[in-house]
């Protein structure tokens, strides 16, 4: 599926700002065999004082900005075209759960996609006892890693309710899990905690999700969304698989990847610092249009 993407992130400041530095992770990733970026560009309004780019440890494209003082508004726009290839095979080639530890022991690579980076706690994903108990109960009948991933995703979807007002970007997963409400970021980080508690390496994926309007209804401008889902290592033969717990499905052609990390903090769309003397507000919109 060929998609035309458009993302707009805007911040408004009550008083002129001081100077700042920002890192943007908003460009779609070029992933051989999964998705091909045909075009992507980022426009910053007003223009930054300095701009550069680099690839971070996990292979994500980062745009680095130095922003001048005196801003009352800043806007980041990304436009691109991405060819998203069909989803992975449904054939289960993943390791039996009791063999995964041996498969991990055989991995000596410590590169960006090594499963060893995604097995322990990370800044936003604690390995909590209550989530571990939930994961063990949910996956009790699973015999393979892929089955465990799906069982946990289904159980979590039943346990949690999607509620855009229930959590903030920095809400701890313990609070979201106890409240049984949250957004895709919460679903994803809670599932990552559950998988890691089971000894299954799990990563955070940032990206876009194409939404389809109800039959007979027009597609709304800005109706699509930035999204998050889970990437789980399922053994030496099958490698990584991706699962969307918010929508209880393995990732397919409606998902477009931006990047990977241990948790949200590694792939947040906008990070950095800026001197402020007043309040600020922000908004974002996403459009994904299929061209074929």
Protein backbone atom coordinates (compact mmCIF):
# COMPACT_ATOMS: atom_id res chain seq x y z
CA UNK A 1 0.00 0.00 0.00
CA UNK A 2 1.33 3.41 -1.01
CA UNK A 3 0.57 6.16 1.51
CA UNK A 4 0.84 9.92 1.44
CA UNK A 5 1.60 11.15 4.98
CA UNK A 6 1.25 14.53 6.60
CA UNK A 7 1.98 15.37 10.24
CA UNK A 8 1.68 18.78 11.87
CA UNK A 9 2.77 19.57 15.45
CA UNK A 10 2.21 23.06 16.80
CA UNK A 11 3.11 24.79 20.07
CA UNK A 12 1.80 28.19 21.18
CA UNK A 13 3.51 30.14 23.97
CA UNK A 14 1.83 32.73 26.20
CA UNK A 15 5.01 34.84 26.32
CA UNK A 16 8.03 34.98 23.98
CA UNK A 17 10.45 32.14 24.66
CA UNK A 18 14.14 32.04 25.30
CA UNK A 19 16.42 30.04 23.03
CA UNK A 20 16.02 26.27 22.89
CA UNK A 21 17.18 22.99 21.41
CA UNK A 22 14.81 20.32 20.09
CA UNK A 23 15.13 16.81 18.71
CA UNK A 24 12.47 15.56 16.27
CA UNK A 25 11.74 11.89 15.59
CA UNK A 26 8.84 12.24 13.17
CA UNK A 27 10.11 10.89 9.85
CA UNK A 28 8.98 7.43 8.65
CA UNK A 29 11.70 4.78 8.71
CA UNK A 30 13.10 3.05 5.65
CA UNK A 31 12.86 -0.67 6.55
CA UNK A 32 13.94 -3.25 3.95
CA UNK A 33 11.23 -5.82 3.36
CA UNK A 34 8.71 -3.85 5.42
CA UNK A 35 8.37 -0.26 4.19
CA UNK A 36 10.09 1.97 1.66
CA UNK A 37 10.27 5.74 2.08
CA UNK A 38 9.92 7.36 -1.32
CA UNK A 39 9.96 10.92 -0.02
CA UNK A 40 10.04 12.64 3.35
CA UNK A 41 10.70 16.23 4.40
CA UNK A 42 10.38 18.30 7.57
CA UNK A 43 9.53 22.00 7.57
CA UNK A 44 10.05 24.14 10.68
CA UNK A 45 8.15 27.44 11.00
CA UNK A 46 9.67 29.88 11.81
CA UNK A 47 13.04 28.57 10.60
CA UNK A 48 15.53 27.44 13.26
CA UNK A 49 18.83 29.17 13.88
CA UNK A 50 20.62 25.88 13.21
CA UNK A 51 19.55 22.50 11.84
CA UNK A 52 21.32 19.18 11.52
CA UNK A 53 20.53 15.48 11.58
CA UNK A 54 21.87 12.18 12.85
CA UNK A 55 20.92 8.54 13.35
CA UNK A 56 20.52 7.51 16.98
CA UNK A 57 21.67 4.23 18.54
CA UNK A 58 18.46 2.39 17.65
CA UNK A 59 18.67 3.49 14.01
CA UNK A 60 16.05 6.24 14.19
CA UNK A 61 16.39 9.38 12.07
CA UNK A 62 16.69 12.48 14.27
CA UNK A 63 16.41 16.13 13.23
CA UNK A 64 18.30 18.42 15.61
CA UNK A 65 17.27 22.07 15.92
CA UNK A 66 18.59 25.20 17.63
CA UNK A 67 15.64 27.57 18.06
CA UNK A 68 16.03 31.34 18.41
CA UNK A 69 14.65 33.36 21.31
CA UNK A 70 11.43 35.34 21.00
CA UNK A 71 9.07 32.67 19.67
CA UNK A 72 5.34 32.83 20.37
CA UNK A 73 4.61 29.83 18.16
CA UNK A 74 6.56 26.96 16.59
CA UNK A 75 5.32 24.43 14.06
CA UNK A 76 6.84 21.20 12.75
CA UNK A 77 5.41 19.75 9.53
CA UNK A 78 6.40 16.40 8.02
CA UNK A 79 5.27 15.35 4.54
CA UNK A 80 6.13 12.02 2.96
CA UNK A 81 5.22 9.09 0.74
CA UNK A 82 5.75 5.54 2.00
CA UNK A 83 5.24 2.18 0.35
CA UNK A 84 4.07 -0.18 3.10
CA UNK A 85 4.50 -3.84 2.23
CA UNK A 86 2.05 -6.57 3.34
CA UNK A 87 2.18 -7.77 6.94
CA UNK A 88 4.25 -10.71 8.09
CA UNK A 89 3.17 -14.31 7.62
CA UNK A 90 0.69 -15.72 10.13
CA UNK A 91 2.67 -18.97 10.22
CA UNK A 92 4.01 -19.48 13.74
CA UNK A 93 7.75 -20.11 13.52
CA UNK A 94 8.46 -18.68 16.95
CA UNK A 95 10.34 -20.56 19.63
CA UNK A 96 8.62 -22.66 22.28
CA UNK A 97 8.47 -20.62 25.46
CA UNK A 98 10.78 -23.02 27.29
CA UNK A 99 13.44 -22.66 24.56
CA UNK A 100 13.52 -18.88 24.28
CA UNK A 101 16.12 -18.46 27.03
CA UNK A 102 18.52 -20.74 25.16
CA UNK A 103 17.93 -18.81 21.93
CA UNK A 104 18.78 -15.61 23.80
CA UNK A 105 21.95 -17.12 25.25
CA UNK A 106 23.09 -17.90 21.71
CA UNK A 107 22.80 -14.24 20.65
CA UNK A 108 26.14 -12.46 21.11
CA UNK A 109 25.36 -9.41 18.95
CA UNK A 110 24.83 -6.15 20.88
CA UNK A 111 23.86 -4.02 17.88
CA UNK A 112 20.79 -1.75 17.79
CA UNK A 113 18.34 -4.59 17.18
CA UNK A 114 19.81 -7.08 19.61
CA UNK A 115 17.06 -8.52 21.85
CA UNK A 116 19.31 -8.07 24.89
CA UNK A 117 18.57 -4.31 24.93
CA UNK A 118 14.85 -4.96 25.38
CA UNK A 119 14.73 -7.53 28.15
CA UNK A 120 15.28 -5.45 31.30
CA UNK A 121 13.47 -2.51 32.89
CA UNK A 122 13.85 0.86 31.16
CA UNK A 123 13.15 4.41 32.38
CA UNK A 124 9.42 4.31 31.57
CA UNK A 125 8.82 0.54 31.80
CA UNK A 126 9.22 -0.88 35.28
CA UNK A 127 8.97 -4.65 35.79
CA UNK A 128 6.05 -4.58 38.20
CA UNK A 129 4.83 -7.59 40.19
CA UNK A 130 1.15 -6.92 39.44
CA UNK A 131 1.79 -6.79 35.70
CA UNK A 132 3.97 -9.92 35.92
CA UNK A 133 1.14 -11.81 37.64
CA UNK A 134 -1.32 -10.58 35.01
CA UNK A 135 0.97 -11.69 32.18
CA UNK A 136 1.55 -15.14 33.64
CA UNK A 137 -2.19 -15.69 34.06
CA UNK A 138 -2.95 -14.44 30.55
CA UNK A 139 -0.30 -16.62 28.89
CA UNK A 140 -0.76 -19.80 30.90
CA UNK A 141 -2.05 -21.77 27.90
CA UNK A 142 0.53 -20.46 25.40
CA UNK A 143 3.15 -22.89 24.13
CA UNK A 144 5.08 -20.59 21.76
CA UNK A 145 6.32 -17.02 22.07
CA UNK A 146 3.97 -15.76 19.35
CA UNK A 147 1.02 -17.34 21.15
CA UNK A 148 2.10 -15.65 24.38
CA UNK A 149 2.31 -12.27 22.64
CA UNK A 150 -1.21 -12.64 21.28
CA UNK A 151 -2.66 -13.97 24.55
CA UNK A 152 -1.23 -11.06 26.52
CA UNK A 153 -2.43 -8.53 23.95
CA UNK A 154 -5.98 -9.88 24.04
CA UNK A 155 -6.03 -10.02 27.85
CA UNK A 156 -4.70 -6.48 28.16
CA UNK A 157 -7.28 -5.18 25.70
CA UNK A 158 -10.01 -6.75 27.86
CA UNK A 159 -8.49 -5.32 31.05
CA UNK A 160 -7.95 -1.77 29.75
CA UNK A 161 -10.29 0.79 28.25
CA UNK A 162 -9.08 3.35 25.73
CA UNK A 163 -9.57 6.78 27.28
CA UNK A 164 -7.71 9.78 25.89
CA UNK A 165 -8.34 11.79 29.07
CA UNK A 166 -7.26 9.21 31.61
CA UNK A 167 -3.48 9.63 31.37
CA UNK A 168 -0.77 12.12 30.46
CA UNK A 169 2.42 11.48 28.52
CA UNK A 170 4.36 10.94 31.75
CA UNK A 171 1.76 8.84 33.64
CA UNK A 172 3.50 5.79 35.20
CA UNK A 173 2.39 2.43 33.87
CA UNK A 174 1.44 1.31 37.39
CA UNK A 175 -1.17 4.09 37.55
CA UNK A 176 -2.58 3.37 34.08
CA UNK A 177 -2.73 -0.38 34.77
CA UNK A 178 -4.45 0.10 38.14
CA UNK A 179 -6.93 2.60 36.64
CA UNK A 180 -7.54 0.26 33.68
CA UNK A 181 -7.64 3.20 31.30
CA UNK A 182 -5.21 4.87 28.93
CA UNK A 183 -4.07 5.48 25.37
CA UNK A 184 -1.90 3.51 22.96
CA UNK A 185 1.28 4.57 24.78
CA UNK A 186 -0.06 3.06 28.01
CA UNK A 187 -1.30 -0.16 26.37
CA UNK A 188 2.08 -0.57 24.69
CA UNK A 189 4.30 0.09 27.71
CA UNK A 190 2.19 -2.11 30.00
CA UNK A 191 2.40 -4.94 27.46
CA UNK A 192 6.15 -4.46 27.17
CA UNK A 193 6.44 -4.78 30.94
CA UNK A 194 4.39 -7.98 30.87
CA UNK A 195 6.45 -9.54 28.10
CA UNK A 196 9.77 -8.64 29.73
CA UNK A 197 8.52 -10.15 32.98
CA UNK A 198 7.98 -13.39 31.03
CA UNK A 199 11.54 -13.24 29.66
CA UNK A 200 10.41 -12.10 26.20
CA UNK A 201 12.37 -9.11 24.81
CA UNK A 202 9.98 -6.32 23.85
CA UNK A 203 10.49 -2.92 22.23
CA UNK A 204 8.37 0.21 21.81
CA UNK A 205 7.39 1.18 18.25
CA UNK A 206 6.37 4.70 17.31
CA UNK A 207 4.47 5.26 14.10
CA UNK A 208 1.25 6.14 12.33
CA UNK A 209 -2.01 4.22 12.12
CA UNK A 210 -4.32 4.60 9.17
CA UNK A 211 -7.95 4.79 10.24
CA UNK A 212 -10.94 3.98 8.04
CA UNK A 213 -14.21 5.95 8.42
CA UNK A 214 -17.51 4.09 8.91
CA UNK A 215 -19.29 2.99 5.71
CA UNK A 216 -20.89 5.92 3.95
CA UNK A 217 -19.07 8.51 6.05
CA UNK A 218 -16.45 10.91 4.60
CA UNK A 219 -12.86 10.71 5.71
CA UNK A 220 -12.11 13.58 8.11
CA UNK A 221 -9.06 15.80 7.74
CA UNK A 222 -6.60 15.08 10.55
CA UNK A 223 -8.53 11.98 11.67
CA UNK A 224 -5.54 9.65 11.66
CA UNK A 225 -3.18 9.53 14.60
CA UNK A 226 0.32 9.01 15.82
CA UNK A 227 0.34 5.56 17.33
CA UNK A 228 2.39 3.06 19.31
CA UNK A 229 2.63 -0.70 19.42
CA UNK A 230 4.89 -3.55 20.60
CA UNK A 231 7.80 -5.30 18.91
CA UNK A 232 8.58 -8.69 20.49
CA UNK A 233 11.53 -11.00 19.84
CA UNK A 234 10.14 -14.48 19.30
CA UNK A 235 13.28 -16.58 18.87
CA UNK A 236 16.23 -17.17 16.58
CA UNK A 237 14.20 -18.50 13.65
CA UNK A 238 11.24 -16.08 13.59
CA UNK A 239 13.01 -13.01 15.00
CA UNK A 240 10.92 -9.91 15.69
CA UNK A 241 7.14 -9.68 15.39
CA UNK A 242 4.94 -6.63 15.97
CA UNK A 243 1.62 -6.53 17.81
CA UNK A 244 -0.86 -3.69 18.42
CA UNK A 245 -2.53 -4.23 21.84
CA UNK A 246 -4.78 -1.18 21.45
CA UNK A 247 -6.44 -2.86 18.47
CA UNK A 248 -5.70 -6.54 19.33
CA UNK A 249 -3.98 -7.38 16.06
CA UNK A 250 -0.60 -8.24 14.64
CA UNK A 251 0.76 -5.25 12.74
CA UNK A 252 -0.12 -5.09 9.06
CA UNK A 253 -0.32 -2.63 6.18
CA UNK A 254 -2.26 0.02 8.12
CA UNK A 255 0.73 0.66 10.40
CA UNK A 256 3.62 2.89 9.28
CA UNK A 257 6.75 2.84 11.46
CA UNK A 258 8.74 5.87 12.60
CA UNK A 259 11.19 4.19 14.95
CA UNK A 260 12.06 1.78 17.77
CA UNK A 261 13.20 2.15 21.36
CA UNK A 262 13.06 0.66 24.82
CA UNK A 263 10.04 2.83 25.69
CA UNK A 264 8.36 6.08 24.69
CA UNK A 265 11.30 8.16 25.89
CA UNK A 266 13.57 6.77 23.16
CA UNK A 267 11.20 7.68 20.31
CA UNK A 268 9.17 10.66 21.56
CA UNK A 269 8.33 12.86 18.53
CA UNK A 270 9.63 16.06 20.16
CA UNK A 271 12.18 16.28 22.97
CA UNK A 272 14.59 18.94 24.15
CA UNK A 273 14.61 22.10 26.23
CA UNK A 274 13.39 25.67 25.90
CA UNK A 275 13.29 28.62 28.29
CA UNK A 276 9.71 29.59 29.08
CA UNK A 277 8.26 32.35 31.25
CA UNK A 278 4.59 31.45 30.81
CA UNK A 279 2.19 28.73 29.81
CA UNK A 280 2.15 26.78 26.55
CA UNK A 281 -0.34 24.71 24.60
CA UNK A 282 0.17 22.15 21.85
CA UNK A 283 -1.71 20.23 19.20
CA UNK A 284 -1.00 17.77 16.42
CA UNK A 285 -2.78 16.31 13.43
CA UNK A 286 -2.01 13.39 11.14
CA UNK A 287 -3.30 12.49 7.70
CA UNK A 288 -2.63 9.18 5.95
CA UNK A 289 -4.10 8.82 2.49
CA UNK A 290 -3.80 5.65 0.43
CA UNK A 291 -2.72 6.40 -3.14
CA UNK A 292 -3.31 2.95 -4.63
